[in-house]
Protein backbone atom coordinates (compact mmCIF):
# COMPACT_ATOMS: atom_id res chain seq x y z
CA UNK A 1 -10.25 -88.86 -19.50
CA UNK A 2 -6.58 -89.75 -19.07
CA UNK A 3 -7.18 -91.18 -15.61
CA UNK A 4 -10.10 -93.23 -16.82
CA UNK A 5 -7.85 -94.68 -19.55
CA UNK A 6 -5.07 -95.47 -17.05
CA UNK A 7 -7.44 -97.17 -14.61
CA UNK A 8 -9.23 -99.30 -17.22
CA UNK A 9 -9.36 -103.04 -16.84
CA UNK A 10 -6.51 -104.81 -18.55
CA UNK A 11 -7.29 -107.71 -20.90
CA UNK A 12 -5.27 -110.85 -21.40
CA UNK A 13 -4.13 -113.66 -19.21
CA UNK A 14 -4.23 -113.07 -15.50
CA UNK A 15 -0.85 -112.97 -13.81
CA UNK A 16 0.18 -116.08 -11.92
CA UNK A 17 1.10 -115.73 -8.29
CA UNK A 18 4.66 -115.66 -6.99
CA UNK A 19 4.50 -119.14 -5.43
CA UNK A 20 3.90 -120.79 -8.81
CA UNK A 21 6.63 -118.66 -10.45
CA UNK A 22 9.07 -119.72 -7.73
CA UNK A 23 8.03 -123.35 -8.12
CA UNK A 24 8.66 -123.21 -11.89
CA UNK A 25 12.11 -121.67 -11.33
CA UNK A 26 12.95 -124.23 -8.65
CA UNK A 27 11.86 -127.14 -10.88
CA UNK A 28 13.89 -125.85 -13.83
CA UNK A 29 16.98 -125.40 -11.63
CA UNK A 30 16.76 -128.79 -9.94
CA UNK A 31 16.08 -130.74 -13.15
CA UNK A 32 18.00 -129.03 -15.97
CA UNK A 33 17.11 -131.72 -18.53
CA UNK A 34 13.40 -131.00 -18.23
CA UNK A 35 11.86 -128.61 -20.71
CA UNK A 36 8.68 -126.56 -20.50
CA UNK A 37 6.38 -129.43 -21.59
CA UNK A 38 7.67 -131.75 -18.86
CA UNK A 39 7.41 -129.10 -16.13
CA UNK A 40 3.92 -128.18 -17.33
CA UNK A 41 2.90 -131.85 -17.08
CA UNK A 42 4.29 -132.14 -13.57
CA UNK A 43 2.46 -128.99 -12.51
CA UNK A 44 -0.75 -130.34 -14.02
CA UNK A 45 -0.36 -133.51 -11.91
CA UNK A 46 -0.09 -131.23 -8.87
CA UNK A 47 -3.36 -129.57 -9.88
CA UNK A 48 -1.79 -126.35 -11.18
CA UNK A 49 -3.05 -125.46 -14.65
CA UNK A 50 -0.49 -123.24 -16.37
CA UNK A 51 0.16 -122.71 -20.09
CA UNK A 52 3.38 -124.05 -21.62
CA UNK A 53 4.37 -120.57 -22.76
CA UNK A 54 4.02 -119.29 -19.20
CA UNK A 55 6.22 -122.10 -17.90
CA UNK A 56 8.83 -121.32 -20.57
CA UNK A 57 8.68 -117.63 -19.66
CA UNK A 58 9.52 -118.23 -15.98
CA UNK A 59 12.07 -121.04 -16.45
CA UNK A 60 15.74 -120.34 -15.78
CA UNK A 61 17.52 -119.73 -19.09
CA UNK A 62 20.45 -122.03 -19.85
CA UNK A 63 23.56 -121.00 -21.73
CA UNK A 64 24.52 -124.29 -23.35
CA UNK A 65 22.77 -127.39 -24.55
CA UNK A 66 20.84 -129.26 -21.82
CA UNK A 67 22.98 -132.37 -22.11
CA UNK A 68 26.28 -133.52 -23.51
CA UNK A 69 26.68 -134.09 -27.24
CA UNK A 70 27.88 -137.23 -28.98
CA UNK A 71 31.48 -136.03 -29.15
CA UNK A 72 31.60 -135.43 -25.39
CA UNK A 73 29.88 -138.76 -24.68
CA UNK A 74 32.36 -140.67 -26.83
CA UNK A 75 35.33 -138.92 -25.22
CA UNK A 76 34.03 -139.57 -21.70
CA UNK A 77 33.17 -143.23 -22.31
CA UNK A 78 35.84 -144.31 -24.79
CA UNK A 79 37.51 -146.68 -22.30
CA UNK A 80 34.22 -148.54 -21.78
CA UNK A 81 33.25 -148.69 -25.46
CA UNK A 82 33.94 -151.36 -28.05
CA UNK A 83 32.68 -151.85 -31.58
CA UNK A 84 32.09 -155.04 -33.54
CA UNK A 85 31.65 -155.68 -37.24
CA UNK A 86 31.73 -158.39 -39.88
CA UNK A 87 33.52 -158.10 -43.19
CA UNK A 88 34.09 -160.48 -46.11
CA UNK A 89 37.47 -161.90 -47.16
CA UNK A 90 37.58 -163.40 -50.67
CA UNK A 91 40.18 -166.17 -50.96
CA UNK A 92 42.36 -167.19 -53.91
CA UNK A 93 40.02 -170.13 -54.59
CA UNK A 94 37.01 -167.75 -54.80
CA UNK A 95 35.65 -168.85 -51.43
CA UNK A 96 34.27 -166.29 -49.01
CA UNK A 97 35.43 -166.10 -45.41
CA UNK A 98 33.74 -163.91 -42.81
CA UNK A 99 35.86 -162.01 -40.30
CA UNK A 100 34.45 -160.81 -37.00
CA UNK A 101 36.43 -157.90 -35.55
CA UNK A 102 36.20 -156.30 -32.08
CA UNK A 103 37.88 -152.92 -31.60
CA UNK A 104 38.47 -151.19 -28.26
CA UNK A 105 38.01 -147.45 -28.44
CA UNK A 106 39.93 -146.52 -25.29
CA UNK A 107 43.37 -147.39 -26.68
CA UNK A 108 42.18 -147.77 -30.29
CA UNK A 109 43.41 -151.31 -30.54
CA UNK A 110 42.24 -154.55 -32.04
CA UNK A 111 40.86 -156.70 -29.23
CA UNK A 112 39.78 -159.83 -31.10
CA UNK A 113 39.39 -161.22 -34.59
CA UNK A 114 37.64 -164.42 -35.60
CA UNK A 115 37.29 -165.97 -39.07
CA UNK A 116 34.69 -168.49 -40.21
CA UNK A 117 33.31 -169.75 -43.50
CA UNK A 118 29.79 -170.08 -42.05
CA UNK A 119 29.16 -167.69 -39.14
CA UNK A 120 26.07 -168.06 -36.95
CA UNK A 121 24.65 -166.01 -34.09
CA UNK A 122 25.99 -168.54 -31.58
CA UNK A 123 29.46 -168.32 -33.15
CA UNK A 124 29.36 -164.49 -32.90
CA UNK A 125 28.30 -164.71 -29.25
CA UNK A 126 31.13 -167.16 -28.55
CA UNK A 127 33.63 -164.78 -30.18
CA UNK A 128 32.38 -162.00 -27.93
CA UNK A 129 32.75 -164.23 -24.85
CA UNK A 130 36.29 -165.16 -25.88
CA UNK A 131 37.25 -161.52 -26.37
CA UNK A 132 36.01 -160.46 -22.92
CA UNK A 133 36.52 -163.25 -20.37
CA UNK A 134 35.64 -162.99 -16.68
CA UNK A 135 32.90 -160.36 -17.06
CA UNK A 136 35.17 -157.74 -18.59
CA UNK A 137 32.67 -156.81 -21.29
CA UNK A 138 32.44 -153.15 -22.28
CA UNK A 139 29.62 -151.00 -20.96
CA UNK A 140 28.78 -149.73 -24.46
CA UNK A 141 28.87 -151.78 -27.66
CA UNK A 142 28.60 -150.20 -31.09
CA UNK A 143 27.34 -152.46 -33.86
CA UNK A 144 25.12 -152.39 -36.91
CA UNK A 145 21.72 -154.07 -37.15
CA UNK A 146 22.96 -157.08 -39.07
CA UNK A 147 20.76 -160.16 -38.74
CA UNK A 148 23.80 -162.36 -38.06
CA UNK A 149 23.96 -161.21 -34.45
CA UNK A 150 20.56 -162.63 -33.46
CA UNK A 151 19.16 -163.16 -29.96
CA UNK A 152 22.10 -165.32 -28.82
CA UNK A 153 24.42 -162.36 -29.32
CA UNK A 154 22.14 -159.90 -27.51
CA UNK A 155 21.67 -162.16 -24.48
CA UNK A 156 25.34 -163.02 -23.99
């Protein structure tokens, strides 16, 4: 009776062969940013139907996060990052002036300031062009979603 119990047919998912296991491990090593859903989709395009849990089971386990965090990104790209913003300056005569400020994050310095009583999107784009002449614009620009920027600012 013991031997009959030991030789009984096992239930559950059938085991996948070693070639597919090796392929899953190779894909997870060569593309560390891909998770189990992405690898499962790629395998499905190759005609290999495997469950997501099976892919996750045979993937190489990582120790840290799959990509850099915001703090690391900002430290690595601070020289190529600038930020822009508008703020309001009330005058003695109760008029409002609008200041446009561009800050460079690499050296933490003020790169440009422009003041206007009636700013437009074209004026903001011109201020940006004056701050970065000869194609020296930063790779990354941090700004809010203010409507003053408009399409002229995005295209310049």
